[in-house]
Structures are given as structure tokens and as C-alpha cells.
Amino acid sequence: MKTRDDALALLHEYTKSESLLKHALSVEAAMRWYATYFECPADEVEKWGICGLLHDFDYEKYPEPVAPDGHPFKGNSILEELGYPEDLRTAIMGHALYTETPRETQMAKTLFAVDELCGLITAATLVRPDRSLLTLTPKSVKKKIKDKAFAKGCNREDIKLGAEELGIELGQHIENTIAGMQAIANDLGLAG
């Protein structure tokens, strides 16, 4: 298994946008939080984190979702060549509905569930007066989900479907994802 340092180097090789880099870190943190929540062994917690870190690594260079040359198809090919495990690659493929890759593992379901939500949580934090994840509440995020004019690019149906697939009530899922992201609030520039 590749290390986090390997994955981080790969991410930085393909991704230059600060917002995409921070999104990758957010999803990694949420994935690690959930891996611990689901009582995964330490090596699986690491794999889940790497999965979150790399889920969009190819997006900036290959944004068009056209197989085999777009996101995440291209990234999957690159990860396969580099020896990343199949379950990690399948989870990454499954985070994009248009790939029609079934989400059969807990890791795959979790990646799908936290991806859009991390983006919405970040957006909700950035409009707060204190710009702090540390004071953000699930109630505030739920209000932003209902506000269709807020963060229009965020797919609310994917967020709801993700929580359903995890079998976790939406409010609790939001709370869990915030908790994961709070662990790296300073790295995200969202500690207030």
C-alpha cells in the first residue's frame, strides 16, 4: 500500500488549485473520522484517508467526465498503473454517479456521502462572521442545504443519497462530517 506521503505528492503533482487541495484534505479528514467511527483497523483508516485525499486528484487536468480520458476515469488508470488497490480505485470511481460504478463497500459509500457535504460545509463556514468550523452547527448546514440559492453547484440530492446509503440520519451525518473536518480546521484556514 502506498503511504499518505506518496498520495500527497501525487495530489500536488496533478492539483495546483488551493481550493481543490483543501477539498481533498477535507474529504480525507472526513474519511479518516468515519473509518474510526466504523472501527476499521489502523491500516484501513490510512487507506480510507488516502482514498479521500486522491478522489479528485485528476479533476484539474482532466475535468471532462468522458471515459477513458476524463475524471475519474483517467485518475483510475493512473492509480492502477501506480499500484493503488482495487477497492480504493473502485470507491473513487463510485463517487461520481455518471461512472455507474456501484458503491458496495463501506469505504465507497462513505466517500460518496462525504464528498459533496464537505464542499457545502466549507461554503457554509466561509460565509460565517467568524469563518470557523469550530463553531459551525449541523442546524446551520441543514439550513444551507434547504437554501437552493446558496452554493448552487453543490448537489443536495447526492448529500441526501449519501446519508441514506450510509444508513445515518442526515443531521447526524452532517455532525460527523463537521467533526472530521474540525480536526484539521487550521490546515483548512477555517479555525476562525
C-alpha atoms as a PDB file:
ATOM      1  CA  MET A   1       0.000   0.000   0.000  1.00  0.00           C
ATOM      2  CA  LYS A   2       1.210   3.469  -0.848  1.00  0.00           C
ATOM      3  CA  THR A   3       1.774   5.897   2.004  1.00  0.00           C
ATOM      4  CA  ARG A   4      -0.001   9.163   2.679  1.00  0.00           C
ATOM      5  CA  ASP A   5       3.186  10.963   1.647  1.00  0.00           C
ATOM      6  CA  ASP A   6       3.054   9.160  -1.725  1.00  0.00           C
ATOM      7  CA  ALA A   7      -0.594  10.149  -2.142  1.00  0.00           C
ATOM      8  CA  LEU A   8       0.059  13.761  -1.115  1.00  0.00           C
ATOM      9  CA  ALA A   9       2.910  14.024  -3.634  1.00  0.00           C
ATOM     10  CA  LEU A  10       0.623  12.648  -6.359  1.00  0.00           C
ATOM     11  CA  LEU A  11      -2.127  15.086  -5.404  1.00  0.00           C
ATOM     12  CA  HIS A  12       0.295  18.036  -5.609  1.00  0.00           C
ATOM     13  CA  GLU A  13       1.676  16.795  -8.926  1.00  0.00           C
ATOM     14  CA  TYR A  14      -1.764  16.995 -10.541  1.00  0.00           C
ATOM     15  CA  THR A  15      -3.568  19.667  -8.497  1.00  0.00           C
ATOM     16  CA  LYS A  16      -2.477  23.290  -8.106  1.00  0.00           C
ATOM     17  CA  SER A  17      -5.751  24.966  -7.074  1.00  0.00           C
ATOM     18  CA  GLU A  18      -5.752  25.828  -3.377  1.00  0.00           C
ATOM     19  CA  SER A  19      -9.493  25.217  -3.103  1.00  0.00           C
ATOM     20  CA  LEU A  20      -9.189  21.729  -4.650  1.00  0.00           C
ATOM     21  CA  LEU A  21      -6.250  20.907  -2.386  1.00  0.00           C
ATOM     22  CA  LYS A  22      -8.242  21.971   0.671  1.00  0.00           C
ATOM     23  CA  HIS A  23     -11.239  19.971  -0.559  1.00  0.00           C
ATOM     24  CA  ALA A  24      -9.020  16.892  -0.813  1.00  0.00           C
ATOM     25  CA  LEU A  25      -7.807  17.460   2.761  1.00  0.00           C
ATOM     26  CA  SER A  26     -11.404  17.931   3.955  1.00  0.00           C
ATOM     27  CA  VAL A  27     -12.579  14.693   2.381  1.00  0.00           C
ATOM     28  CA  GLU A  28      -9.512  12.881   3.717  1.00  0.00           C
ATOM     29  CA  ALA A  29     -10.292  14.094   7.251  1.00  0.00           C
ATOM     30  CA  ALA A  30     -13.943  13.068   6.989  1.00  0.00           C
ATOM     31  CA  MET A  31     -12.951   9.655   5.628  1.00  0.00           C
ATOM     32  CA  ARG A  32     -10.481   9.094   8.469  1.00  0.00           C
ATOM     33  CA  TRP A  33     -13.111  10.140  11.015  1.00  0.00           C
ATOM     34  CA  TYR A  34     -15.623   7.684   9.559  1.00  0.00           C
ATOM     35  CA  ALA A  35     -13.085   4.847   9.313  1.00  0.00           C
ATOM     36  CA  THR A  36     -12.504   5.247  13.049  1.00  0.00           C
ATOM     37  CA  TYR A  37     -16.267   5.503  13.664  1.00  0.00           C
ATOM     38  CA  PHE A  38     -16.772   2.211  11.798  1.00  0.00           C
ATOM     39  CA  GLU A  39     -13.928   0.707  13.877  1.00  0.00           C
ATOM     40  CA  CYS A  40     -11.656  -0.055  10.942  1.00  0.00           C
ATOM     41  CA  PRO A  41      -8.148  -1.299  11.763  1.00  0.00           C
ATOM     42  CA  ALA A  42      -5.329   1.252  11.515  1.00  0.00           C
ATOM     43  CA  ASP A  43      -4.221   0.201   8.015  1.00  0.00           C
ATOM     44  CA  GLU A  44      -7.788   0.644   6.756  1.00  0.00           C
ATOM     45  CA  VAL A  45      -8.053   4.098   8.384  1.00  0.00           C
ATOM     46  CA  GLU A  46      -4.948   5.019   6.382  1.00  0.00           C
ATOM     47  CA  LYS A  47      -6.441   3.595   3.161  1.00  0.00           C
ATOM     48  CA  TRP A  48      -9.722   5.455   3.689  1.00  0.00           C
ATOM     49  CA  GLY A  49      -7.784   8.683   4.233  1.00  0.00           C
ATOM     50  CA  ILE A  50      -5.759   8.171   1.068  1.00  0.00           C
ATOM     51  CA  CYS A  51      -8.973   7.417  -0.828  1.00  0.00           C
ATOM     52  CA  GLY A  52     -10.393  10.761   0.284  1.00  0.00           C
ATOM     53  CA  LEU A  53      -7.158  12.584  -0.458  1.00  0.00           C
ATOM     54  CA  LEU A  54      -6.979  11.250  -4.034  1.00  0.00           C
ATOM     55  CA  HIS A  55     -10.652  11.124  -5.036  1.00  0.00           C
ATOM     56  CA  ASP A  56     -10.384  14.264  -7.222  1.00  0.00           C
ATOM     57  CA  PHE A  57      -6.619  14.382  -7.860  1.00  0.00           C
ATOM     58  CA  ASP A  58      -7.146  14.175 -11.650  1.00  0.00           C
ATOM     59  CA  TYR A  59     -10.022  16.681 -11.805  1.00  0.00           C
ATOM     60  CA  GLU A  60      -7.991  19.807 -12.555  1.00  0.00           C
ATOM     61  CA  LYS A  61      -6.125  18.256 -15.506  1.00  0.00           C
ATOM     62  CA  TYR A  62      -8.965  16.060 -16.805  1.00  0.00           C
ATOM     63  CA  PRO A  63     -12.247  17.751 -15.810  1.00  0.00           C
ATOM     64  CA  GLU A  64     -14.447  16.350 -18.568  1.00  0.00           C
ATOM     65  CA  PRO A  65     -16.309  13.233 -17.403  1.00  0.00           C
ATOM     66  CA  VAL A  66     -15.706  11.310 -20.621  1.00  0.00           C
ATOM     67  CA  ALA A  67     -14.344   7.771 -20.426  1.00  0.00           C
ATOM     68  CA  PRO A  68     -11.457   6.984 -20.554  1.00  0.00           C
ATOM     69  CA  ASP A  69      -9.863  10.450 -20.678  1.00  0.00           C
ATOM     70  CA  GLY A  70     -11.743  12.402 -18.015  1.00  0.00           C
ATOM     71  CA  HIS A  71     -12.275  12.475 -14.271  1.00  0.00           C
ATOM     72  CA  PRO A  72     -12.312   9.974 -12.551  1.00  0.00           C
ATOM     73  CA  PHE A  73     -11.618   7.518 -15.379  1.00  0.00           C
ATOM     74  CA  LYS A  74      -8.175   8.964 -16.093  1.00  0.00           C
ATOM     75  CA  GLY A  75      -7.309   9.043 -12.407  1.00  0.00           C
ATOM     76  CA  ASN A  76      -8.347   5.418 -12.035  1.00  0.00           C
ATOM     77  CA  SER A  77      -5.951   4.428 -14.823  1.00  0.00           C
ATOM     78  CA  ILE A  78      -3.126   6.411 -13.235  1.00  0.00           C
ATOM     79  CA  LEU A  79      -3.777   4.895  -9.805  1.00  0.00           C
ATOM     80  CA  GLU A  80      -3.883   1.401 -11.287  1.00  0.00           C
ATOM     81  CA  GLU A  81      -0.512   1.952 -13.008  1.00  0.00           C
ATOM     82  CA  LEU A  82       0.927   3.146  -9.699  1.00  0.00           C
ATOM     83  CA  GLY A  83      -0.291   0.056  -7.850  1.00  0.00           C
ATOM     84  CA  TYR A  84      -3.089   1.505  -5.727  1.00  0.00           C
ATOM     85  CA  PRO A  85      -5.514  -1.200  -4.540  1.00  0.00           C
ATOM     86  CA  GLU A  86      -8.650  -2.039  -6.474  1.00  0.00           C
ATOM     87  CA  ASP A  87     -11.073  -1.338  -3.616  1.00  0.00           C
ATOM     88  CA  LEU A  88      -9.690   2.203  -3.265  1.00  0.00           C
ATOM     89  CA  ARG A  89      -9.928   2.783  -7.024  1.00  0.00           C
ATOM     90  CA  THR A  90     -13.471   1.377  -7.164  1.00  0.00           C
ATOM     91  CA  ALA A  91     -14.530   3.669  -4.322  1.00  0.00           C
ATOM     92  CA  ILE A  92     -13.119   6.655  -6.215  1.00  0.00           C
ATOM     93  CA  MET A  93     -14.943   5.613  -9.381  1.00  0.00           C
ATOM     94  CA  GLY A  94     -18.180   5.263  -7.389  1.00  0.00           C
ATOM     95  CA  HIS A  95     -18.083   8.814  -6.039  1.00  0.00           C
ATOM     96  CA  ALA A  96     -19.161  10.042  -9.488  1.00  0.00           C
ATOM     97  CA  LEU A  97     -22.655   8.795 -10.325  1.00  0.00           C
ATOM     98  CA  TYR A  98     -22.047   9.061 -14.084  1.00  0.00           C
ATOM     99  CA  THR A  99     -19.452   6.260 -13.956  1.00  0.00           C
ATOM    100  CA  GLU A 100     -22.273   3.901 -12.931  1.00  0.00           C
ATOM    101  CA  THR A 101     -19.853   2.161 -10.578  1.00  0.00           C
ATOM    102  CA  PRO A 102     -21.774   0.518  -7.722  1.00  0.00           C
ATOM    103  CA  ARG A 103     -20.834   1.559  -4.202  1.00  0.00           C
ATOM    104  CA  GLU A 104     -20.692  -1.809  -2.467  1.00  0.00           C
ATOM    105  CA  THR A 105     -18.095  -1.264   0.266  1.00  0.00           C
ATOM    106  CA  GLN A 106     -18.357   0.916   3.342  1.00  0.00           C
ATOM    107  CA  MET A 107     -15.380   2.921   2.056  1.00  0.00           C
ATOM    108  CA  ALA A 108     -17.118   3.598  -1.276  1.00  0.00           C
ATOM    109  CA  LYS A 109     -20.404   4.587   0.376  1.00  0.00           C
ATOM    110  CA  THR A 110     -18.595   6.887   2.782  1.00  0.00           C
ATOM    111  CA  LEU A 111     -16.576   8.636   0.084  1.00  0.00           C
ATOM    112  CA  PHE A 112     -19.753   9.375  -1.857  1.00  0.00           C
ATOM    113  CA  ALA A 113     -21.503  10.526   1.327  1.00  0.00           C
ATOM    114  CA  VAL A 114     -18.835  12.999   2.449  1.00  0.00           C
ATOM    115  CA  ASP A 115     -17.639  14.436  -0.885  1.00  0.00           C
ATOM    116  CA  GLU A 116     -20.400  16.959  -1.668  1.00  0.00           C
ATOM    117  CA  LEU A 117     -21.098  17.530   2.013  1.00  0.00           C
ATOM    118  CA  CYS A 118     -17.502  18.612   2.694  1.00  0.00           C
ATOM    119  CA  GLY A 119     -17.869  21.211  -0.057  1.00  0.00           C
ATOM    120  CA  LEU A 120     -21.129  22.521   1.388  1.00  0.00           C
ATOM    121  CA  ILE A 121     -19.714  22.603   4.926  1.00  0.00           C
ATOM    122  CA  THR A 122     -16.726  24.613   3.684  1.00  0.00           C
ATOM    123  CA  ALA A 123     -19.011  27.061   1.873  1.00  0.00           C
ATOM    124  CA  ALA A 124     -21.234  27.391   4.946  1.00  0.00           C
ATOM    125  CA  THR A 125     -18.180  28.117   7.092  1.00  0.00           C
ATOM    126  CA  LEU A 126     -16.807  30.765   4.741  1.00  0.00           C
ATOM    127  CA  VAL A 127     -19.990  32.877   4.995  1.00  0.00           C
ATOM    128  CA  ARG A 128     -19.999  32.845   8.804  1.00  0.00           C
ATOM    129  CA  PRO A 129     -18.794  36.024  10.538  1.00  0.00           C
ATOM    130  CA  ASP A 130     -16.082  34.069  12.383  1.00  0.00           C
ATOM    131  CA  ARG A 131     -15.227  31.809   9.396  1.00  0.00           C
ATOM    132  CA  SER A 132     -14.773  28.965  11.876  1.00  0.00           C
ATOM    133  CA  LEU A 133     -15.588  25.282  11.547  1.00  0.00           C
ATOM    134  CA  LEU A 134     -15.205  25.085  15.297  1.00  0.00           C
ATOM    135  CA  THR A 135     -18.483  26.955  15.862  1.00  0.00           C
ATOM    136  CA  LEU A 136     -20.436  25.565  12.882  1.00  0.00           C
ATOM    137  CA  THR A 137     -23.540  23.574  13.802  1.00  0.00           C
ATOM    138  CA  PRO A 138     -25.404  20.867  11.875  1.00  0.00           C
ATOM    139  CA  LYS A 139     -28.532  23.036  12.110  1.00  0.00           C
ATOM    140  CA  SER A 140     -26.770  25.841  10.229  1.00  0.00           C
ATOM    141  CA  VAL A 141     -25.642  23.419   7.498  1.00  0.00           C
ATOM    142  CA  LYS A 142     -29.153  21.971   7.182  1.00  0.00           C
ATOM    143  CA  LYS A 143     -30.475  25.497   6.589  1.00  0.00           C
ATOM    144  CA  LYS A 144     -27.891  25.955   3.819  1.00  0.00           C
ATOM    145  CA  ILE A 145     -28.964  22.663   2.232  1.00  0.00           C
ATOM    146  CA  LYS A 146     -32.531  23.991   2.015  1.00  0.00           C
ATOM    147  CA  ASP A 147     -31.364  27.306   0.516  1.00  0.00           C
ATOM    148  CA  LYS A 148     -31.149  26.460  -3.202  1.00  0.00           C
ATOM    149  CA  ALA A 149     -29.501  29.823  -3.974  1.00  0.00           C
ATOM    150  CA  PHE A 150     -26.565  29.004  -1.680  1.00  0.00           C
ATOM    151  CA  ALA A 151     -23.634  27.050  -3.205  1.00  0.00           C
ATOM    152  CA  LYS A 152     -25.652  26.256  -6.328  1.00  0.00           C
ATOM    153  CA  GLY A 153     -23.011  23.844  -7.655  1.00  0.00           C
ATOM    154  CA  CYS A 154     -23.443  21.567  -4.661  1.00  0.00           C
ATOM    155  CA  ASN A 155     -25.713  18.599  -5.347  1.00  0.00           C
ATOM    156  CA  ARG A 156     -28.111  18.325  -2.423  1.00  0.00           C
ATOM    157  CA  GLU A 157     -29.603  15.082  -3.729  1.00  0.00           C
ATOM    158  CA  ASP A 158     -26.155  13.447  -3.604  1.00  0.00           C
ATOM    159  CA  ILE A 159     -25.788  14.583   0.013  1.00  0.00           C
ATOM    160  CA  LYS A 160     -29.148  13.075   0.953  1.00  0.00           C
ATOM    161  CA  LEU A 161     -28.482   9.874  -1.004  1.00  0.00           C
ATOM    162  CA  GLY A 162     -25.077   9.540   0.638  1.00  0.00           C
ATOM    163  CA  ALA A 163     -26.561   9.696   4.138  1.00  0.00           C
ATOM    164  CA  GLU A 164     -29.225   7.154   3.127  1.00  0.00           C
ATOM    165  CA  GLU A 165     -26.608   4.762   1.742  1.00  0.00           C
ATOM    166  CA  LEU A 166     -24.643   5.034   4.993  1.00  0.00           C
ATOM    167  CA  GLY A 167     -27.816   4.413   6.970  1.00  0.00           C
ATOM    168  CA  ILE A 168     -27.183   7.517   9.067  1.00  0.00           C
ATOM    169  CA  GLU A 169     -29.733  10.265   9.630  1.00  0.00           C
ATOM    170  CA  LEU A 170     -28.773  13.413   7.704  1.00  0.00           C
ATOM    171  CA  GLY A 171     -28.330  15.645  10.767  1.00  0.00           C
ATOM    172  CA  GLN A 172     -26.057  13.077  12.407  1.00  0.00           C
ATOM    173  CA  HIS A 173     -24.099  12.625   9.173  1.00  0.00           C
ATOM    174  CA  ILE A 174     -23.561  16.389   8.971  1.00  0.00           C
ATOM    175  CA  GLU A 175     -22.400  16.423  12.605  1.00  0.00           C
ATOM    176  CA  ASN A 176     -19.996  13.535  11.947  1.00  0.00           C
ATOM    177  CA  THR A 177     -18.538  15.184   8.848  1.00  0.00           C
ATOM    178  CA  ILE A 178     -18.083  18.501  10.645  1.00  0.00           C
ATOM    179  CA  ALA A 179     -16.280  16.638  13.455  1.00  0.00           C
ATOM    180  CA  GLY A 180     -13.910  15.058  10.941  1.00  0.00           C
ATOM    181  CA  MET A 181     -13.158  18.387   9.308  1.00  0.00           C
ATOM    182  CA  GLN A 182     -12.739  20.191  12.644  1.00  0.00           C
ATOM    183  CA  ALA A 183      -9.666  18.055  13.330  1.00  0.00           C
ATOM    184  CA  ILE A 184      -7.850  19.922  10.548  1.00  0.00           C
ATOM    185  CA  ALA A 185      -9.610  23.308  10.753  1.00  0.00           C
ATOM    186  CA  ASN A 186      -6.257  25.117  10.977  1.00  0.00           C
ATOM    187  CA  ASP A 187      -4.921  23.390   7.844  1.00  0.00           C
ATOM    188  CA  LEU A 188      -8.097  24.381   6.004  1.00  0.00           C
ATOM    189  CA  GLY A 189      -7.858  28.007   7.140  1.00  0.00           C
ATOM    190  CA  LEU A 190     -11.225  27.581   8.856  1.00  0.00           C
ATOM    191  CA  ALA A 191     -10.349  27.874  12.532  1.00  0.00           C
ATOM    192  CA  GLY A 192     -11.647  31.435  12.792  1.00  0.00           C
END
